[in-house]
Amino acid sequence: MVFVNRGIEGKQPNSAIRKCARVQLIKNVKKIAAFVPNDGCLNYIEENDEVLIAGFGHKGHASGDIPGVRFRARVIMYFLSCVEIVVALLSFGSETFLINIEE
């Protein structure tokens, strides 16, 4: 479950703000920071959306210049509808990549 969308500033000498989401794990109720890849994909993630998380970095350590971020958001599962969106496909600027999971 997504709590907050926020930006994390990169380490020196980089000064860009990396887009991340604060996520609570369902399994053990821990709160972690997950990187949201591609440009503009953070606009599709809202509070209370479920997000599929994958590893990001080297064997559990932070990758690149983002301190404390060890995970990456892969798939957004909207809370009120039966729709999944693959985050990697959102960078094309189209929402035609919806996966319907109604069963």
PDB file of N, CA and C in Angstrom:
ATOM      1  N   MET A   1       0.840  -1.177   0.000  1.00  0.00           N
ATOM      2  CA  MET A   1       0.000   0.000   0.000  1.00  0.00           C
ATOM      3  C   MET A   1       0.883   1.237   0.000  1.00  0.00           C
ATOM      4  N   VAL A   2       0.542   2.192  -0.816  1.00  0.00           N
ATOM      5  CA  VAL A   2       1.328   3.415  -0.929  1.00  0.00           C
ATOM      6  C   VAL A   2       0.853   4.415   0.121  1.00  0.00           C
ATOM      7  N   PHE A   3       1.805   4.967   0.877  1.00  0.00           N
ATOM      8  CA  PHE A   3       1.495   5.998   1.853  1.00  0.00           C
ATOM      9  C   PHE A   3       1.650   7.387   1.264  1.00  0.00           C
ATOM     10  N   VAL A   4       2.856   7.692   0.799  1.00  0.00           N
ATOM     11  CA  VAL A   4       3.181   9.049   0.372  1.00  0.00           C
ATOM     12  C   VAL A   4       4.053   8.982  -0.869  1.00  0.00           C
ATOM     13  N   ASN A   5       3.802   9.881  -1.815  1.00  0.00           N
ATOM     14  CA  ASN A   5       4.708  10.066  -2.939  1.00  0.00           C
ATOM     15  C   ASN A   5       5.639  11.205  -2.570  1.00  0.00           C
ATOM     16  N   ARG A   6       6.944  10.988  -2.761  1.00  0.00           N
ATOM     17  CA  ARG A   6       7.875  12.032  -2.368  1.00  0.00           C
ATOM     18  C   ARG A   6       9.120  11.975  -3.228  1.00  0.00           C
ATOM     19  N   GLY A   7       9.896  13.027  -3.165  1.00  0.00           N
ATOM     20  CA  GLY A   7      11.152  13.092  -3.888  1.00  0.00           C
ATOM     21  C   GLY A   7      12.315  12.956  -2.936  1.00  0.00           C
ATOM     22  N   ILE A   8      13.317  12.183  -3.331  1.00  0.00           N
ATOM     23  CA  ILE A   8      14.523  12.008  -2.533  1.00  0.00           C
ATOM     24  C   ILE A   8      15.678  12.592  -3.322  1.00  0.00           C
ATOM     25  N   GLU A   9      16.431  13.471  -2.684  1.00  0.00           N
ATOM     26  CA  GLU A   9      17.530  14.130  -3.370  1.00  0.00           C
ATOM     27  C   GLU A   9      18.733  13.200  -3.448  1.00  0.00           C
ATOM     28  N   GLY A  10      19.409  13.212  -4.603  1.00  0.00           N
ATOM     29  CA  GLY A  10      20.567  12.355  -4.813  1.00  0.00           C
ATOM     30  C   GLY A  10      21.766  12.810  -4.010  1.00  0.00           C
ATOM     31  N   LYS A  11      22.733  11.895  -3.860  1.00  0.00           N
ATOM     32  CA  LYS A  11      23.961  12.205  -3.135  1.00  0.00           C
ATOM     33  C   LYS A  11      24.827  13.165  -3.942  1.00  0.00           C
ATOM     34  N   GLN A  12      25.815  13.743  -3.287  1.00  0.00           N
ATOM     35  CA  GLN A  12      26.759  14.636  -3.953  1.00  0.00           C
ATOM     36  C   GLN A  12      27.505  13.886  -5.044  1.00  0.00           C
ATOM     37  N   PRO A  13      27.855  14.432  -6.158  1.00  0.00           N
ATOM     38  CA  PRO A  13      27.656  15.800  -6.616  1.00  0.00           C
ATOM     39  C   PRO A  13      26.345  15.996  -7.371  1.00  0.00           C
ATOM     40  N   ASN A  14      25.493  14.963  -7.440  1.00  0.00           N
ATOM     41  CA  ASN A  14      24.221  15.085  -8.154  1.00  0.00           C
ATOM     42  C   ASN A  14      23.215  15.846  -7.300  1.00  0.00           C
ATOM     43  N   SER A  15      22.331  16.591  -7.965  1.00  0.00           N
ATOM     44  CA  SER A  15      21.363  17.385  -7.219  1.00  0.00           C
ATOM     45  C   SER A  15      19.932  17.154  -7.676  1.00  0.00           C
ATOM     46  N   ALA A  16      19.711  16.174  -8.512  1.00  0.00           N
ATOM     47  CA  ALA A  16      18.361  15.915  -9.013  1.00  0.00           C
ATOM     48  C   ALA A  16      17.498  15.290  -7.922  1.00  0.00           C
ATOM     49  N   ILE A  17      16.196  15.453  -8.051  1.00  0.00           N
ATOM     50  CA  ILE A  17      15.259  14.853  -7.103  1.00  0.00           C
ATOM     51  C   ILE A  17      14.698  13.585  -7.747  1.00  0.00           C
ATOM     52  N   ARG A  18      14.940  12.452  -7.105  1.00  0.00           N
ATOM     53  CA  ARG A  18      14.472  11.159  -7.605  1.00  0.00           C
ATOM     54  C   ARG A  18      13.070  10.900  -7.063  1.00  0.00           C
ATOM     55  N   LYS A  19      12.185  10.429  -7.914  1.00  0.00           N
ATOM     56  CA  LYS A  19      10.792  10.212  -7.530  1.00  0.00           C
ATOM     57  C   LYS A  19      10.640   8.858  -6.850  1.00  0.00           C
ATOM     58  N   CYS A  20      10.149   8.866  -5.627  1.00  0.00           N
ATOM     59  CA  CYS A  20       9.985   7.649  -4.850  1.00  0.00           C
ATOM     60  C   CYS A  20       8.607   7.635  -4.198  1.00  0.00           C
ATOM     61  N   ALA A  21       8.193   6.466  -3.779  1.00  0.00           N
ATOM     62  CA  ALA A  21       6.929   6.301  -3.067  1.00  0.00           C
ATOM     63  C   ALA A  21       7.213   5.585  -1.753  1.00  0.00           C
ATOM     64  N   ARG A  22       6.588   6.040  -0.693  1.00  0.00           N
ATOM     65  CA  ARG A  22       6.707   5.379   0.601  1.00  0.00           C
ATOM     66  C   ARG A  22       5.649   4.287   0.641  1.00  0.00           C
ATOM     67  N   VAL A  23       6.086   3.039   0.832  1.00  0.00           N
ATOM     68  CA  VAL A  23       5.214   1.868   0.692  1.00  0.00           C
ATOM     69  C   VAL A  23       5.235   1.056   1.978  1.00  0.00           C
ATOM     70  N   GLN A  24       4.064   0.544   2.382  1.00  0.00           N
ATOM     71  CA  GLN A  24       3.982  -0.376   3.512  1.00  0.00           C
ATOM     72  C   GLN A  24       3.789  -1.782   2.969  1.00  0.00           C
ATOM     73  N   LEU A  25       4.657  -2.700   3.389  1.00  0.00           N
ATOM     74  CA  LEU A  25       4.566  -4.077   2.939  1.00  0.00           C
ATOM     75  C   LEU A  25       3.401  -4.784   3.615  1.00  0.00           C
ATOM     76  N   ILE A  26       2.721  -5.636   2.867  1.00  0.00           N
ATOM     77  CA  ILE A  26       1.581  -6.361   3.419  1.00  0.00           C
ATOM     78  C   ILE A  26       2.055  -7.517   4.295  1.00  0.00           C
ATOM     79  N   LYS A  27       3.168  -8.137   3.916  1.00  0.00           N
ATOM     80  CA  LYS A  27       3.643  -9.329   4.602  1.00  0.00           C
ATOM     81  C   LYS A  27       4.052  -9.067   6.045  1.00  0.00           C
ATOM     82  N   ASN A  28       4.885  -8.037   6.276  1.00  0.00           N
ATOM     83  CA  ASN A  28       5.391  -7.808   7.623  1.00  0.00           C
ATOM     84  C   ASN A  28       5.213  -6.365   8.110  1.00  0.00           C
ATOM     85  N   VAL A  29       4.410  -5.577   7.437  1.00  0.00           N
ATOM     86  CA  VAL A  29       3.996  -4.234   7.832  1.00  0.00           C
ATOM     87  C   VAL A  29       5.193  -3.277   7.985  1.00  0.00           C
ATOM     88  N   LYS A  30       6.282  -3.513   7.278  1.00  0.00           N
ATOM     89  CA  LYS A  30       7.401  -2.576   7.281  1.00  0.00           C
ATOM     90  C   LYS A  30       7.128  -1.463   6.280  1.00  0.00           C
ATOM     91  N   LYS A  31       7.694  -0.299   6.529  1.00  0.00           N
ATOM     92  CA  LYS A  31       7.562   0.825   5.609  1.00  0.00           C
ATOM     93  C   LYS A  31       8.901   1.021   4.903  1.00  0.00           C
ATOM     94  N   ILE A  32       8.871   1.038   3.568  1.00  0.00           N
ATOM     95  CA  ILE A  32      10.083   1.162   2.780  1.00  0.00           C
ATOM     96  C   ILE A  32       9.898   2.260   1.735  1.00  0.00           C
ATOM     97  N   ALA A  33      10.990   2.675   1.142  1.00  0.00           N
ATOM     98  CA  ALA A  33      10.953   3.625   0.031  1.00  0.00           C
ATOM     99  C   ALA A  33      11.210   2.848  -1.256  1.00  0.00           C
ATOM    100  N   ALA A  34      10.379   3.070  -2.264  1.00  0.00           N
ATOM    101  CA  ALA A  34      10.506   2.383  -3.547  1.00  0.00           C
ATOM    102  C   ALA A  34      10.665   3.409  -4.664  1.00  0.00           C
ATOM    103  N   PHE A  35      11.647   3.200  -5.518  1.00  0.00           N
ATOM    104  CA  PHE A  35      11.910   4.083  -6.646  1.00  0.00           C
ATOM    105  C   PHE A  35      10.854   3.857  -7.722  1.00  0.00           C
ATOM    106  N   VAL A  36      10.364   4.939  -8.328  1.00  0.00           N
ATOM    107  CA  VAL A  36       9.388   4.850  -9.417  1.00  0.00           C
ATOM    108  C   VAL A  36      10.111   5.207 -10.716  1.00  0.00           C
ATOM    109  N   PRO A  37      10.349   4.234 -11.600  1.00  0.00           N
ATOM    110  CA  PRO A  37      11.137   4.506 -12.813  1.00  0.00           C
ATOM    111  C   PRO A  37      10.347   5.271 -13.865  1.00  0.00           C
ATOM    112  N   ASN A  38      11.072   5.801 -14.823  1.00  0.00           N
ATOM    113  CA  ASN A  38      10.554   6.509 -16.003  1.00  0.00           C
ATOM    114  C   ASN A  38       9.968   7.871 -15.643  1.00  0.00           C
ATOM    115  N   ASP A  39       9.889   8.702 -16.652  1.00  0.00           N
ATOM    116  CA  ASP A  39       9.479  10.083 -16.458  1.00  0.00           C
ATOM    117  C   ASP A  39       7.960  10.185 -16.375  1.00  0.00           C
ATOM    118  N   GLY A  40       7.434  10.767 -15.318  1.00  0.00           N
ATOM    119  CA  GLY A  40       6.001  11.004 -15.185  1.00  0.00           C
ATOM    120  C   GLY A  40       5.194   9.860 -14.627  1.00  0.00           C
ATOM    121  N   CYS A  41       5.818   8.748 -14.269  1.00  0.00           N
ATOM    122  CA  CYS A  41       5.060   7.604 -13.760  1.00  0.00           C
ATOM    123  C   CYS A  41       4.551   7.822 -12.342  1.00  0.00           C
ATOM    124  N   LEU A  42       5.159   8.750 -11.618  1.00  0.00           N
ATOM    125  CA  LEU A  42       4.695   9.031 -10.261  1.00  0.00           C
ATOM    126  C   LEU A  42       3.304   9.652 -10.269  1.00  0.00           C
ATOM    127  N   ASN A  43       2.900  10.257 -11.387  1.00  0.00           N
ATOM    128  CA  ASN A  43       1.572  10.858 -11.490  1.00  0.00           C
ATOM    129  C   ASN A  43       0.460   9.816 -11.472  1.00  0.00           C
ATOM    130  N   TYR A  44       0.765   8.566 -11.805  1.00  0.00           N
ATOM    131  CA  TYR A  44      -0.247   7.514 -11.848  1.00  0.00           C
ATOM    132  C   TYR A  44      -0.407   6.792 -10.516  1.00  0.00           C
ATOM    133  N   ILE A  45       0.526   7.014  -9.592  1.00  0.00           N
ATOM    134  CA  ILE A  45       0.456   6.332  -8.300  1.00  0.00           C
ATOM    135  C   ILE A  45      -0.196   7.271  -7.293  1.00  0.00           C
ATOM    136  N   GLU A  46      -1.239   6.781  -6.639  1.00  0.00           N
ATOM    137  CA  GLU A  46      -1.950   7.550  -5.623  1.00  0.00           C
ATOM    138  C   GLU A  46      -1.886   6.808  -4.297  1.00  0.00           C
ATOM    139  N   GLU A  47      -2.337   7.468  -3.245  1.00  0.00           N
ATOM    140  CA  GLU A  47      -2.380   6.816  -1.943  1.00  0.00           C
ATOM    141  C   GLU A  47      -3.353   5.647  -1.989  1.00  0.00           C
ATOM    142  N   ASN A  48      -3.045   4.612  -1.216  1.00  0.00           N
ATOM    143  CA  ASN A  48      -3.838   3.384  -1.081  1.00  0.00           C
ATOM    144  C   ASN A  48      -3.810   2.502  -2.322  1.00  0.00           C
ATOM    145  N   ASP A  49      -2.989   2.803  -3.302  1.00  0.00           N
ATOM    146  CA  ASP A  49      -2.791   1.880  -4.419  1.00  0.00           C
ATOM    147  C   ASP A  49      -1.829   0.785  -3.981  1.00  0.00           C
ATOM    148  N   GLU A  50      -2.030  -0.401  -4.503  1.00  0.00           N
ATOM    149  CA  GLU A  50      -1.098  -1.493  -4.235  1.00  0.00           C
ATOM    150  C   GLU A  50      -0.057  -1.515  -5.333  1.00  0.00           C
ATOM    151  N   VAL A  51       1.195  -1.721  -4.944  1.00  0.00           N
ATOM    152  CA  VAL A  51       2.304  -1.681  -5.884  1.00  0.00           C
ATOM    153  C   VAL A  51       3.119  -2.953  -5.729  1.00  0.00           C
ATOM    154  N   LEU A  52       3.456  -3.579  -6.848  1.00  0.00           N
ATOM    155  CA  LEU A  52       4.332  -4.741  -6.828  1.00  0.00           C
ATOM    156  C   LEU A  52       5.772  -4.242  -6.779  1.00  0.00           C
ATOM    157  N   ILE A  53       6.563  -4.760  -5.830  1.00  0.00           N
ATOM    158  CA  ILE A  53       7.911  -4.281  -5.573  1.00  0.00           C
ATOM    159  C   ILE A  53       8.925  -5.331  -6.027  1.00  0.00           C
ATOM    160  N   ALA A  54      10.024  -4.856  -6.628  1.00  0.00           N
ATOM    161  CA  ALA A  54      11.135  -5.731  -7.006  1.00  0.00           C
ATOM    162  C   ALA A  54      12.418  -5.148  -6.445  1.00  0.00           C
ATOM    163  N   GLY A  55      13.448  -5.962  -6.380  1.00  0.00           N
ATOM    164  CA  GLY A  55      14.738  -5.500  -5.878  1.00  0.00           C
ATOM    165  C   GLY A  55      15.349  -4.462  -6.810  1.00  0.00           C
ATOM    166  N   PHE A  56      16.149  -3.579  -6.233  1.00  0.00           N
ATOM    167  CA  PHE A  56      16.752  -2.500  -6.994  1.00  0.00           C
ATOM    168  C   PHE A  56      18.128  -2.271  -6.405  1.00  0.00           C
ATOM    169  N   GLY A  57      19.155  -2.667  -7.112  1.00  0.00           N
ATOM    170  CA  GLY A  57      20.491  -2.455  -6.573  1.00  0.00           C
ATOM    171  C   GLY A  57      21.257  -3.750  -6.464  1.00  0.00           C
ATOM    172  N   HIS A  58      22.235  -3.734  -5.610  1.00  0.00           N
ATOM    173  CA  HIS A  58      23.176  -4.831  -5.498  1.00  0.00           C
ATOM    174  C   HIS A  58      22.955  -5.601  -4.207  1.00  0.00           C
ATOM    175  N   LYS A  59      22.282  -6.725  -4.266  1.00  0.00           N
ATOM    176  CA  LYS A  59      22.101  -7.641  -3.138  1.00  0.00           C
ATOM    177  C   LYS A  59      21.579  -6.950  -1.886  1.00  0.00           C
ATOM    178  N   GLY A  60      20.543  -6.152  -2.041  1.00  0.00           N
ATOM    179  CA  GLY A  60      19.911  -5.519  -0.890  1.00  0.00           C
ATOM    180  C   GLY A  60      20.475  -4.177  -0.500  1.00  0.00           C
ATOM    181  N   HIS A  61      21.475  -3.690  -1.214  1.00  0.00           N
ATOM    182  CA  HIS A  61      22.047  -2.378  -0.912  1.00  0.00           C
ATOM    183  C   HIS A  61      21.483  -1.338  -1.865  1.00  0.00           C
ATOM    184  N   ALA A  62      21.585  -0.089  -1.483  1.00  0.00           N
ATOM    185  CA  ALA A  62      21.100   1.002  -2.328  1.00  0.00           C
ATOM    186  C   ALA A  62      21.931   1.077  -3.609  1.00  0.00           C
ATOM    187  N   SER A  63      21.288   1.495  -4.685  1.00  0.00           N
ATOM    188  CA  SER A  63      21.951   1.568  -5.976  1.00  0.00           C
ATOM    189  C   SER A  63      22.056   3.020  -6.423  1.00  0.00           C
ATOM    190  N   GLY A  64      23.174   3.352  -7.031  1.00  0.00           N
ATOM    191  CA  GLY A  64      23.339   4.688  -7.583  1.00  0.00           C
ATOM    192  C   GLY A  64      23.455   5.742  -6.513  1.00  0.00           C
ATOM    193  N   ASP A  65      22.831   6.897  -6.757  1.00  0.00           N
ATOM    194  CA  ASP A  65      22.968   8.028  -5.841  1.00  0.00           C
ATOM    195  C   ASP A  65      21.732   8.242  -4.970  1.00  0.00           C
ATOM    196  N   ILE A  66      20.878   7.237  -4.865  1.00  0.00           N
ATOM    197  CA  ILE A  66      19.659   7.387  -4.067  1.00  0.00           C
ATOM    198  C   ILE A  66      19.879   6.707  -2.714  1.00  0.00           C
ATOM    199  N   PRO A  67      20.049   7.474  -1.647  1.00  0.00           N
ATOM    200  CA  PRO A  67      20.334   6.852  -0.347  1.00  0.00           C
ATOM    201  C   PRO A  67      19.101   6.197   0.265  1.00  0.00           C
ATOM    202  N   GLY A  68      19.266   4.961   0.716  1.00  0.00           N
ATOM    203  CA  GLY A  68      18.213   4.264   1.439  1.00  0.00           C
ATOM    204  C   GLY A  68      17.121   3.648   0.597  1.00  0.00           C
ATOM    205  N   VAL A  69      17.208   3.720  -0.717  1.00  0.00           N
ATOM    206  CA  VAL A  69      16.179   3.147  -1.580  1.00  0.00           C
ATOM    207  C   VAL A  69      16.716   1.843  -2.159  1.00  0.00           C
ATOM    208  N   ARG A  70      16.100   0.726  -1.785  1.00  0.00           N
ATOM    209  CA  ARG A  70      16.576  -0.581  -2.220  1.00  0.00           C
ATOM    210  C   ARG A  70      15.561  -1.330  -3.084  1.00  0.00           C
ATOM    211  N   PHE A  71      14.415  -0.713  -3.349  1.00  0.00           N
ATOM    212  CA  PHE A  71      13.366  -1.388  -4.099  1.00  0.00           C
ATOM    213  C   PHE A  71      12.847  -0.497  -5.223  1.00  0.00           C
ATOM    214  N   ARG A  72      12.170  -1.120  -6.200  1.00  0.00           N
ATOM    215  CA  ARG A  72      11.627  -0.399  -7.342  1.00  0.00           C
ATOM    216  C   ARG A  72      10.190  -0.849  -7.564  1.00  0.00           C
ATOM    217  N   ALA A  73       9.315   0.085  -7.892  1.00  0.00           N
ATOM    218  CA  ALA A  73       7.915  -0.231  -8.185  1.00  0.00           C
ATOM    219  C   ALA A  73       7.829  -0.815  -9.593  1.00  0.00           C
ATOM    220  N   ARG A  74       7.159  -1.944  -9.746  1.00  0.00           N
ATOM    221  CA  ARG A  74       7.056  -2.607 -11.035  1.00  0.00           C
ATOM    222  C   ARG A  74       5.653  -2.521 -11.637  1.00  0.00           C
ATOM    223  N   VAL A  75       4.625  -2.795 -10.842  1.00  0.00           N
ATOM    224  CA  VAL A  75       3.244  -2.834 -11.332  1.00  0.00           C
ATOM    225  C   VAL A  75       2.359  -2.100 -10.330  1.00  0.00           C
ATOM    226  N   ILE A  76       1.454  -1.250 -10.856  1.00  0.00           N
ATOM    227  CA  ILE A  76       0.488  -0.546 -10.012  1.00  0.00           C
ATOM    228  C   ILE A  76      -0.830  -1.301 -10.091  1.00  0.00           C
ATOM    229  N   MET A  77      -1.386  -1.650  -8.939  1.00  0.00           N
ATOM    230  CA  MET A  77      -2.694  -2.284  -8.889  1.00  0.00           C
ATOM    231  C   MET A  77      -3.642  -1.303  -8.217  1.00  0.00           C
ATOM    232  N   TYR A  78      -4.565  -0.729  -8.976  1.00  0.00           N
ATOM    233  CA  TYR A  78      -5.454   0.294  -8.435  1.00  0.00           C
ATOM    234  C   TYR A  78      -6.362  -0.291  -7.370  1.00  0.00           C
ATOM    235  N   PHE A  79      -6.615   0.506  -6.337  1.00  0.00           N
ATOM    236  CA  PHE A  79      -7.324   0.034  -5.156  1.00  0.00           C
ATOM    237  C   PHE A  79      -8.805  -0.215  -5.421  1.00  0.00           C
ATOM    238  N   LEU A  80      -9.462   0.648  -6.183  1.00  0.00           N
ATOM    239  CA  LEU A  80     -10.904   0.554  -6.348  1.00  0.00           C
ATOM    240  C   LEU A  80     -11.338  -0.134  -7.642  1.00  0.00           C
ATOM    241  N   SER A  81     -10.386  -0.528  -8.472  1.00  0.00           N
ATOM    242  CA  SER A  81     -10.755  -1.192  -9.715  1.00  0.00           C
ATOM    243  C   SER A  81      -9.874  -2.419  -9.929  1.00  0.00           C
ATOM    244  N   CYS A  82     -10.287  -3.277 -10.816  1.00  0.00           N
ATOM    245  CA  CYS A  82      -9.552  -4.501 -11.099  1.00  0.00           C
ATOM    246  C   CYS A  82      -8.635  -4.274 -12.294  1.00  0.00           C
ATOM    247  N   VAL A  83      -7.703  -3.355 -12.164  1.00  0.00           N
ATOM    248  CA  VAL A  83      -6.826  -2.994 -13.273  1.00  0.00           C
ATOM    249  C   VAL A  83      -5.383  -2.952 -12.779  1.00  0.00           C
ATOM    250  N   GLU A  84      -4.467  -3.505 -13.574  1.00  0.00           N
ATOM    251  CA  GLU A  84      -3.043  -3.395 -13.302  1.00  0.00           C
ATOM    252  C   GLU A  84      -2.409  -2.568 -14.410  1.00  0.00           C
ATOM    253  N   ILE A  85      -1.414  -1.765 -14.065  1.00  0.00           N
ATOM    254  CA  ILE A  85      -0.661  -1.014 -15.059  1.00  0.00           C
ATOM    255  C   ILE A  85       0.815  -1.325 -14.859  1.00  0.00           C
ATOM    256  N   VAL A  86       1.480  -1.736 -15.915  1.00  0.00           N
ATOM    257  CA  VAL A  86       2.911  -1.998 -15.844  1.00  0.00           C
ATOM    258  C   VAL A  86       3.633  -0.656 -15.927  1.00  0.00           C
ATOM    259  N   VAL A  87       4.466  -0.364 -14.922  1.00  0.00           N
ATOM    260  CA  VAL A  87       5.100   0.945 -14.810  1.00  0.00           C
ATOM    261  C   VAL A  87       6.049   1.185 -15.977  1.00  0.00           C
ATOM    262  N   ALA A  88       6.732   0.164 -16.446  1.00  0.00           N
ATOM    263  CA  ALA A  88       7.696   0.337 -17.533  1.00  0.00           C
ATOM    264  C   ALA A  88       7.024   0.774 -18.829  1.00  0.00           C
ATOM    265  N   LEU A  89       5.748   0.476 -19.011  1.00  0.00           N
ATOM    266  CA  LEU A  89       5.049   0.827 -20.239  1.00  0.00           C
ATOM    267  C   LEU A  89       4.412   2.207 -20.187  1.00  0.00           C
ATOM    268  N   LEU A  90       4.363   2.834 -19.001  1.00  0.00           N
ATOM    269  CA  LEU A  90       3.735   4.152 -18.880  1.00  0.00           C
ATOM    270  C   LEU A  90       4.566   5.252 -19.513  1.00  0.00           C
ATOM    271  N   SER A  91       5.843   5.015 -19.745  1.00  0.00           N
ATOM    272  CA  SER A  91       6.695   6.063 -20.295  1.00  0.00           C
ATOM    273  C   SER A  91       6.361   6.366 -21.747  1.00  0.00           C
ATOM    274  N   PHE A  92       5.568   5.527 -22.400  1.00  0.00           N
ATOM    275  CA  PHE A  92       5.171   5.779 -23.773  1.00  0.00           C
ATOM    276  C   PHE A  92       4.070   6.826 -23.875  1.00  0.00           C
ATOM    277  N   GLY A  93       3.508   7.265 -22.741  1.00  0.00           N
ATOM    278  CA  GLY A  93       2.501   8.315 -22.739  1.00  0.00           C
ATOM    279  C   GLY A  93       1.113   7.832 -23.094  1.00  0.00           C
ATOM    280  N   SER A  94       0.866   6.543 -22.972  1.00  0.00           N
ATOM    281  CA  SER A  94      -0.432   6.009 -23.323  1.00  0.00           C
ATOM    282  C   SER A  94      -0.897   5.070 -22.228  1.00  0.00           C
ATOM    283  N   GLU A  95      -2.190   5.092 -21.942  1.00  0.00           N
ATOM    284  CA  GLU A  95      -2.744   4.173 -20.958  1.00  0.00           C
ATOM    285  C   GLU A  95      -3.388   2.968 -21.629  1.00  0.00           C
ATOM    286  N   THR A  96      -2.958   2.635 -22.828  1.00  0.00           N
ATOM    287  CA  THR A  96      -3.513   1.481 -23.522  1.00  0.00           C
ATOM    288  C   THR A  96      -2.898   0.183 -23.049  1.00  0.00           C
ATOM    289  N   PHE A  97      -1.944   0.263 -22.141  1.00  0.00           N
ATOM    290  CA  PHE A  97      -1.255  -0.921 -21.657  1.00  0.00           C
ATOM    291  C   PHE A  97      -1.872  -1.414 -20.357  1.00  0.00           C
ATOM    292  N   LEU A  98      -3.171  -1.356 -20.249  1.00  0.00           N
ATOM    293  CA  LEU A  98      -3.859  -1.819 -19.061  1.00  0.00           C
ATOM    294  C   LEU A  98      -4.065  -3.323 -19.134  1.00  0.00           C
ATOM    295  N   ILE A  99      -3.923  -3.982 -18.008  1.00  0.00           N
ATOM    296  CA  ILE A  99      -4.137  -5.423 -17.924  1.00  0.00           C
ATOM    297  C   ILE A  99      -5.353  -5.631 -17.042  1.00  0.00           C
ATOM    298  N   ASN A 100      -6.401  -6.188 -17.584  1.00  0.00           N
ATOM    299  CA  ASN A 100      -7.617  -6.409 -16.829  1.00  0.00           C
ATOM    300  C   ASN A 100      -7.499  -7.704 -16.063  1.00  0.00           C
ATOM    301  N   ILE A 101      -7.716  -7.671 -14.728  1.00  0.00           N
ATOM    302  CA  ILE A 101      -7.562  -8.869 -13.923  1.00  0.00           C
ATOM    303  C   ILE A 101      -8.882  -9.294 -13.292  1.00  0.00           C
ATOM    304  N   GLU A 102      -9.982  -8.938 -13.905  1.00  0.00           N
ATOM    305  CA  GLU A 102     -11.290  -9.348 -13.378  1.00  0.00           C
ATOM    306  C   GLU A 102     -11.443 -10.852 -13.514  1.00  0.00           C
ATOM    307  N   GLU A 103     -11.839 -11.462 -12.424  1.00  0.00           N
ATOM    308  CA  GLU A 103     -12.062 -12.914 -12.453  1.00  0.00           C
ATOM    309  C   GLU A 103     -13.254 -13.287 -11.622  1.00  0.00           C
TER     310      GLU A 103
END
